[in-house]
N, C-alpha and C. Protein backbone atom coordinates (compact mmCIF):
# COMPACT_ATOMS: atom_id res chain seq x y z
N MET A 1 0.77 -1.18 0.00
CA MET A 1 -0.05 0.13 0.04
C MET A 1 0.91 1.53 0.00
N LYS A 2 2.03 1.27 0.70
CA LYS A 2 2.96 2.31 0.72
C LYS A 2 3.17 2.59 -0.64
N GLN A 3 3.50 1.72 -1.17
CA GLN A 3 4.19 2.02 -2.16
C GLN A 3 3.12 2.73 -3.34
N ILE A 4 2.17 2.49 -3.05
CA ILE A 4 1.18 2.79 -4.15
C ILE A 4 0.83 4.16 -3.92
N VAL A 5 1.03 4.58 -2.75
CA VAL A 5 0.88 6.18 -2.19
C VAL A 5 1.94 6.98 -2.57
N MET A 6 3.50 6.25 -2.81
CA MET A 6 4.61 6.83 -2.94
C MET A 6 4.52 7.36 -4.65
N LEU A 7 3.86 6.03 -5.68
CA LEU A 7 3.88 6.08 -6.95
C LEU A 7 2.57 7.49 -7.36
N LEU A 8 1.57 7.36 -6.26
CA LEU A 8 0.70 8.55 -6.56
C LEU A 8 1.30 9.94 -6.55
N LEU A 9 2.03 9.74 -5.11
CA LEU A 9 2.89 11.13 -4.96
C LEU A 9 3.90 11.77 -5.65
N LEU A 10 4.75 10.99 -6.58
CA LEU A 10 5.22 11.25 -7.48
C LEU A 10 5.32 12.76 -8.61
N PRO A 11 4.46 12.20 -9.26
CA PRO A 11 4.61 13.38 -10.29
C PRO A 11 3.97 14.62 -9.81
N THR A 12 3.45 14.63 -8.63
CA THR A 12 3.46 15.99 -8.19
C THR A 12 4.63 16.59 -7.07
N ALA A 13 5.41 15.28 -6.61
CA ALA A 13 6.87 16.07 -6.28
C ALA A 13 7.78 16.85 -7.13
N PHE A 14 7.82 16.17 -8.62
CA PHE A 14 8.01 17.10 -9.90
C PHE A 14 7.61 18.12 -10.53
N ALA A 15 6.45 18.14 -10.11
CA ALA A 15 5.63 19.58 -10.56
C ALA A 15 6.14 21.05 -10.59
N ALA A 16 6.38 20.92 -9.46
CA ALA A 16 7.57 22.56 -9.43
C ALA A 16 9.04 22.05 -9.45
N GLY A 17 9.89 23.30 -10.02
CA GLY A 17 11.26 22.93 -9.90
C GLY A 17 11.83 22.80 -8.39
N ALA A 18 13.10 22.73 -8.57
CA ALA A 18 14.20 22.98 -7.00
C ALA A 18 13.93 24.65 -6.80
N GLU A 19 14.03 25.15 -5.40
CA GLU A 19 14.24 26.51 -5.14
C GLU A 19 15.28 27.17 -5.90
N GLN A 20 15.03 28.37 -6.45
CA GLN A 20 15.90 29.24 -6.98
C GLN A 20 16.25 30.69 -6.67
N THR A 21 17.21 31.58 -7.32
CA THR A 21 16.99 32.86 -6.95
C THR A 21 16.58 33.21 -8.44
N PHE A 22 15.60 34.44 -8.32
CA PHE A 22 15.27 34.82 -9.66
C PHE A 22 15.77 36.42 -9.75
N THR A 23 16.19 36.92 -10.39
CA THR A 23 16.40 38.42 -10.32
C THR A 23 15.82 39.38 -11.32
N GLY A 24 15.20 40.72 -10.90
CA GLY A 24 14.37 41.18 -11.76
C GLY A 24 13.39 42.35 -11.05
N VAL A 25 12.71 43.02 -11.91
CA VAL A 25 12.01 43.63 -10.97
C VAL A 25 10.42 43.63 -10.94
N ILE A 26 10.28 44.46 -9.61
CA ILE A 26 8.85 43.77 -9.01
C ILE A 26 7.56 45.05 -10.22
N THR A 27 6.68 44.31 -10.68
CA THR A 27 5.93 44.90 -11.54
C THR A 27 4.32 44.37 -11.32
N ASP A 28 3.34 44.51 -12.29
CA ASP A 28 2.39 43.63 -12.12
C ASP A 28 2.09 42.92 -13.39
N SER A 29 1.34 41.95 -13.14
CA SER A 29 1.04 40.80 -14.70
C SER A 29 0.47 41.76 -15.53
N MET A 30 -0.65 42.58 -15.11
CA MET A 30 -1.14 43.41 -16.41
C MET A 30 -0.34 44.37 -17.04
N CYS A 31 0.28 45.19 -17.01
CA CYS A 31 1.71 45.93 -17.57
C CYS A 31 2.81 45.19 -17.93
N GLY A 32 3.22 44.45 -16.94
CA GLY A 32 4.74 43.76 -17.02
C GLY A 32 5.53 45.09 -17.25
N ALA A 33 6.30 44.82 -18.15
CA ALA A 33 7.70 46.21 -18.34
C ALA A 33 7.01 47.34 -18.98
N ASN A 34 5.83 47.47 -19.31
CA ASN A 34 5.23 48.75 -19.83
C ASN A 34 4.34 49.49 -19.20
N HIS A 35 4.57 50.40 -18.51
CA HIS A 35 3.34 51.28 -17.76
C HIS A 35 2.50 52.33 -18.15
N ARG A 36 3.56 52.89 -19.73
CA ARG A 36 2.75 54.01 -20.48
C ARG A 36 1.63 53.89 -20.66
N MET A 37 0.65 52.57 -21.01
CA MET A 37 -1.05 52.76 -21.11
C MET A 37 -1.53 52.83 -20.52
N MET A 38 -1.53 52.70 -19.20
CA MET A 38 -1.85 53.33 -17.98
C MET A 38 -1.94 54.82 -17.45
N LYS A 39 -0.93 55.45 -17.90
CA LYS A 39 -0.29 56.67 -17.88
C LYS A 39 -0.74 57.05 -16.40
N ILE A 40 -0.24 56.62 -15.47
CA ILE A 40 0.50 56.15 -14.11
C ILE A 40 1.94 56.00 -13.84
N THR A 41 2.35 57.27 -13.38
CA THR A 41 3.77 57.45 -12.90
C THR A 41 3.89 57.78 -11.13
N PRO A 42 5.03 57.09 -10.85
CA PRO A 42 5.92 56.07 -11.64
C PRO A 42 5.60 55.00 -11.99
N ASP A 43 6.25 53.87 -12.20
CA ASP A 43 6.10 52.82 -12.63
C ASP A 43 5.58 51.65 -10.72
N ALA A 44 6.46 51.84 -10.14
CA ALA A 44 5.93 51.65 -8.94
C ALA A 44 4.36 52.13 -8.44
N LYS A 45 4.41 53.49 -8.54
CA LYS A 45 2.89 53.53 -8.16
C LYS A 45 1.86 52.98 -9.17
N CYS A 46 1.98 52.65 -10.31
CA CYS A 46 1.27 52.12 -11.36
C CYS A 46 1.27 50.56 -11.19
N ALA A 47 2.19 50.09 -10.88
CA ALA A 47 2.20 48.52 -10.46
C ALA A 47 1.37 48.42 -8.88
N ARG A 48 1.41 49.09 -7.86
CA ARG A 48 0.62 49.06 -6.74
C ARG A 48 -1.20 49.39 -6.81
N GLU A 49 -1.11 50.22 -8.00
CA GLU A 49 -2.79 50.99 -8.42
C GLU A 49 -3.45 49.77 -9.34
N CYS A 50 -2.84 49.12 -10.33
CA CYS A 50 -3.06 47.96 -11.33
C CYS A 50 -3.48 46.96 -9.99
N VAL A 51 -2.86 46.35 -9.31
CA VAL A 51 -2.97 45.19 -8.27
C VAL A 51 -3.89 45.62 -7.32
N LYS A 52 -4.40 46.76 -6.99
CA LYS A 52 -5.62 47.34 -5.63
C LYS A 52 -6.64 47.20 -6.87
N SER A 53 -6.81 47.44 -7.93
CA SER A 53 -8.03 46.99 -8.94
C SER A 53 -8.30 46.15 -9.12
N GLY A 54 -7.75 44.65 -8.24
CA GLY A 54 -9.07 43.57 -8.40
C GLY A 54 -9.23 43.00 -9.09
N GLN A 55 -8.90 43.50 -10.15
CA GLN A 55 -9.03 42.90 -11.70
C GLN A 55 -8.34 41.55 -11.94
N ASN A 56 -8.28 40.44 -11.14
CA ASN A 56 -7.03 39.60 -11.33
C ASN A 56 -5.92 40.08 -11.95
N VAL A 57 -5.55 41.17 -11.31
CA VAL A 57 -4.08 41.25 -11.70
C VAL A 57 -3.13 41.22 -10.23
N LYS A 58 -2.08 40.66 -10.43
CA LYS A 58 -1.12 40.52 -9.22
C LYS A 58 0.21 41.34 -9.28
N PHE A 59 1.00 41.00 -8.28
CA PHE A 59 2.42 41.51 -8.43
C PHE A 59 3.06 40.34 -9.07
N ALA A 60 4.12 40.94 -9.65
CA ALA A 60 4.95 39.80 -10.55
C ALA A 60 6.37 40.18 -10.63
N LEU A 61 6.89 39.09 -10.96
CA LEU A 61 8.57 39.85 -11.59
C LEU A 61 8.76 39.40 -12.76
N ILE A 62 9.53 40.64 -13.40
CA ILE A 62 9.60 40.59 -14.69
C ILE A 62 10.89 40.26 -14.56
N ASP A 63 11.82 39.17 -15.20
CA ASP A 63 12.95 38.99 -15.41
C ASP A 63 13.29 38.54 -17.29
N GLY A 64 13.90 39.79 -17.41
CA GLY A 64 14.33 39.70 -18.95
C GLY A 64 12.95 39.54 -20.02
N PRO A 65 12.51 38.48 -20.47
CA PRO A 65 11.54 37.97 -21.32
C PRO A 65 10.10 37.44 -20.67
N ASN A 66 10.20 37.31 -19.95
CA ASN A 66 9.74 36.46 -18.53
C ASN A 66 9.08 37.12 -17.85
N VAL A 67 7.53 37.10 -17.39
CA VAL A 67 6.72 37.43 -16.38
C VAL A 67 6.46 36.21 -15.51
N TYR A 68 7.00 36.24 -14.15
CA TYR A 68 6.21 35.41 -13.35
C TYR A 68 5.13 36.09 -12.17
N LYS A 69 3.87 35.68 -11.91
CA LYS A 69 3.23 35.80 -10.95
C LYS A 69 4.07 35.28 -9.29
N LEU A 70 3.74 35.86 -8.50
CA LEU A 70 4.23 35.64 -6.94
C LEU A 70 3.12 35.54 -6.17
N SER A 71 3.44 34.31 -5.62
CA SER A 71 2.13 34.00 -4.84
C SER A 71 2.33 34.42 -3.66
N ASP A 72 3.50 35.46 -2.83
CA ASP A 72 3.39 36.25 -1.99
C ASP A 72 2.75 37.62 -2.73
N GLN A 73 1.52 38.30 -2.27
CA GLN A 73 1.23 39.31 -2.78
C GLN A 73 1.09 40.65 -1.66
N ALA A 74 1.83 40.48 -0.42
CA ALA A 74 1.67 41.40 0.72
C ALA A 74 2.92 42.03 0.24
N THR A 75 4.28 40.98 0.65
CA THR A 75 5.54 41.57 0.52
C THR A 75 6.28 42.28 -0.77
N PRO A 76 5.49 42.15 -1.60
CA PRO A 76 6.01 42.42 -3.02
C PRO A 76 5.55 44.15 -3.15
N ALA A 77 4.82 44.64 -2.35
CA ALA A 77 4.18 46.21 -2.52
C ALA A 77 5.25 47.25 -2.29
N GLN A 78 6.08 46.80 -0.99
CA GLN A 78 7.14 47.52 -0.46
C GLN A 78 8.06 47.90 -1.74
N PHE A 79 8.36 46.74 -2.96
CA PHE A 79 9.47 46.22 -3.46
C PHE A 79 8.94 46.89 -4.73
N ALA A 80 7.71 47.30 -4.90
CA ALA A 80 7.27 47.84 -6.48
C ALA A 80 8.11 48.71 -7.32
N GLY A 81 8.49 48.39 -8.69
CA GLY A 81 9.45 49.23 -9.18
C GLY A 81 10.85 48.60 -9.05
N GLN A 82 10.99 48.37 -7.71
CA GLN A 82 12.23 48.01 -7.58
C GLN A 82 12.90 46.81 -8.27
N ARG A 83 14.24 46.58 -8.33
CA ARG A 83 14.88 45.30 -8.68
C ARG A 83 15.20 44.39 -7.53
N VAL A 84 14.79 43.50 -7.65
CA VAL A 84 14.84 42.27 -6.53
C VAL A 84 15.73 40.91 -6.48
N LYS A 85 16.00 40.48 -5.55
CA LYS A 85 16.15 38.97 -5.72
C LYS A 85 14.82 38.49 -5.06
N VAL A 86 14.26 37.33 -6.09
CA VAL A 86 13.13 36.18 -5.27
C VAL A 86 13.34 34.67 -4.86
N LEU A 87 13.82 34.29 -4.06
CA LEU A 87 13.98 33.24 -3.61
C LEU A 87 12.54 32.47 -3.76
N GLY A 88 12.64 31.54 -4.36
CA GLY A 88 11.43 30.96 -4.81
C GLY A 88 11.32 29.33 -5.51
N THR A 89 10.45 28.94 -5.75
CA THR A 89 9.99 27.61 -6.42
C THR A 89 9.42 28.00 -7.49
N LEU A 90 9.74 28.03 -8.77
CA LEU A 90 8.72 28.19 -9.88
C LEU A 90 7.82 26.95 -10.35
N PHE A 91 6.78 26.85 -10.75
CA PHE A 91 5.52 26.16 -10.96
C PHE A 91 5.71 26.56 -12.36
N PRO A 92 6.74 25.61 -13.42
CA PRO A 92 6.46 26.36 -15.00
C PRO A 92 5.07 26.20 -15.70
N LYS A 93 3.93 25.63 -15.31
CA LYS A 93 2.64 25.21 -15.72
C LYS A 93 1.89 26.50 -15.52
N THR A 94 2.34 26.65 -14.47
CA THR A 94 1.29 28.37 -13.98
C THR A 94 1.99 29.50 -14.36
N GLY A 95 3.48 29.46 -14.25
CA GLY A 95 4.01 30.83 -14.37
C GLY A 95 3.99 31.42 -12.85
N ILE A 96 4.24 30.94 -11.99
CA ILE A 96 3.97 31.39 -10.70
C ILE A 96 5.14 30.81 -10.03
N ILE A 97 5.52 31.93 -9.18
CA ILE A 97 6.87 31.32 -8.37
C ILE A 97 6.46 31.50 -6.60
N ARG A 98 6.47 30.54 -5.94
CA ARG A 98 6.05 30.18 -5.03
C ARG A 98 7.36 31.21 -3.80
N VAL A 99 6.55 32.21 -3.35
CA VAL A 99 8.00 32.89 -2.84
C VAL A 99 8.53 32.56 -1.23
N GLN A 100 9.42 32.37 -0.92
CA GLN A 100 10.51 32.08 -0.06
C GLN A 100 10.64 33.46 1.01
N LYS A 101 11.33 34.33 -0.05
CA LYS A 101 12.15 35.69 0.29
C LYS A 101 12.23 36.60 -0.84
N ILE A 102 11.75 37.66 -0.49
CA ILE A 102 12.32 38.70 -1.45
C ILE A 102 13.31 39.59 -0.81
N GLU A 103 14.23 40.45 -1.08
CA GLU A 103 14.96 41.62 -1.15
C GLU A 103 15.76 42.36 -2.24
N LEU A 104 16.34 43.42 -1.70
CA LEU A 104 16.74 44.10 -2.58
C LEU A 104 17.80 43.76 -3.82
N ALA A 105 17.91 43.83 -4.77
CA ALA A 105 19.14 42.96 -5.25
C ALA A 105 20.28 44.09 -5.55
N ARG A 106 21.59 43.85 -5.01
CA ARG A 106 22.55 44.78 -5.30
C ARG A 106 22.82 45.39 -6.55
N GLN A 107 23.31 46.20 -6.49
CA GLN A 107 23.84 47.04 -7.55
C GLN A 107 25.06 47.17 -8.21
N ASP A 108 25.58 46.46 -8.90
CA ASP A 108 26.57 46.71 -9.00
C ASP A 108 27.61 47.94 -9.43
N ARG A 109 28.40 48.48 -8.80
CA ARG A 109 28.46 49.86 -9.18
C ARG A 109 30.33 49.40 -9.22
N LYS A 110 30.73 50.29 -10.42
CA LYS A 110 31.93 50.42 -11.04
C LYS A 110 32.89 51.28 -10.44
N SER A 111 33.82 51.45 -9.73
CA SER A 111 34.56 52.47 -9.06
C SER A 111 35.49 52.68 -10.09
N ASN A 112 35.54 54.17 -10.24
CA ASN A 112 36.54 54.89 -10.95
C ASN A 112 37.70 54.71 -10.26
N SER A 113 39.21 53.86 -10.19
CA SER A 113 40.26 54.28 -9.75
C SER A 113 41.18 54.89 -10.82
N ASP A 114 41.40 56.08 -10.46
CA ASP A 114 42.76 56.46 -11.58
C ASP A 114 44.21 56.19 -10.73
């Protein structure tokens, strides 16, 4: 019986990938990288307003061409419009990251040493 239960649970164990770090900008799932159509500036304010609209719009992470919805919808509000690192697990079929942690991404600064 135990073997049957393990076989049934096996597919769900592989449905999500391993925990990893994603780096990108906190936005909303409607605007993505382009907030111009909403005519709300700055981008951080637009993202917060779009999510507040309640029309199935969620905080998301834009990472190059990818826009991932975030499972945590409270923490991203404070990082809207900012470059962050999100530690979490991506569910590829839904495009949702199960968030473990969000923190500001370090900005690499080049020093001018003469």
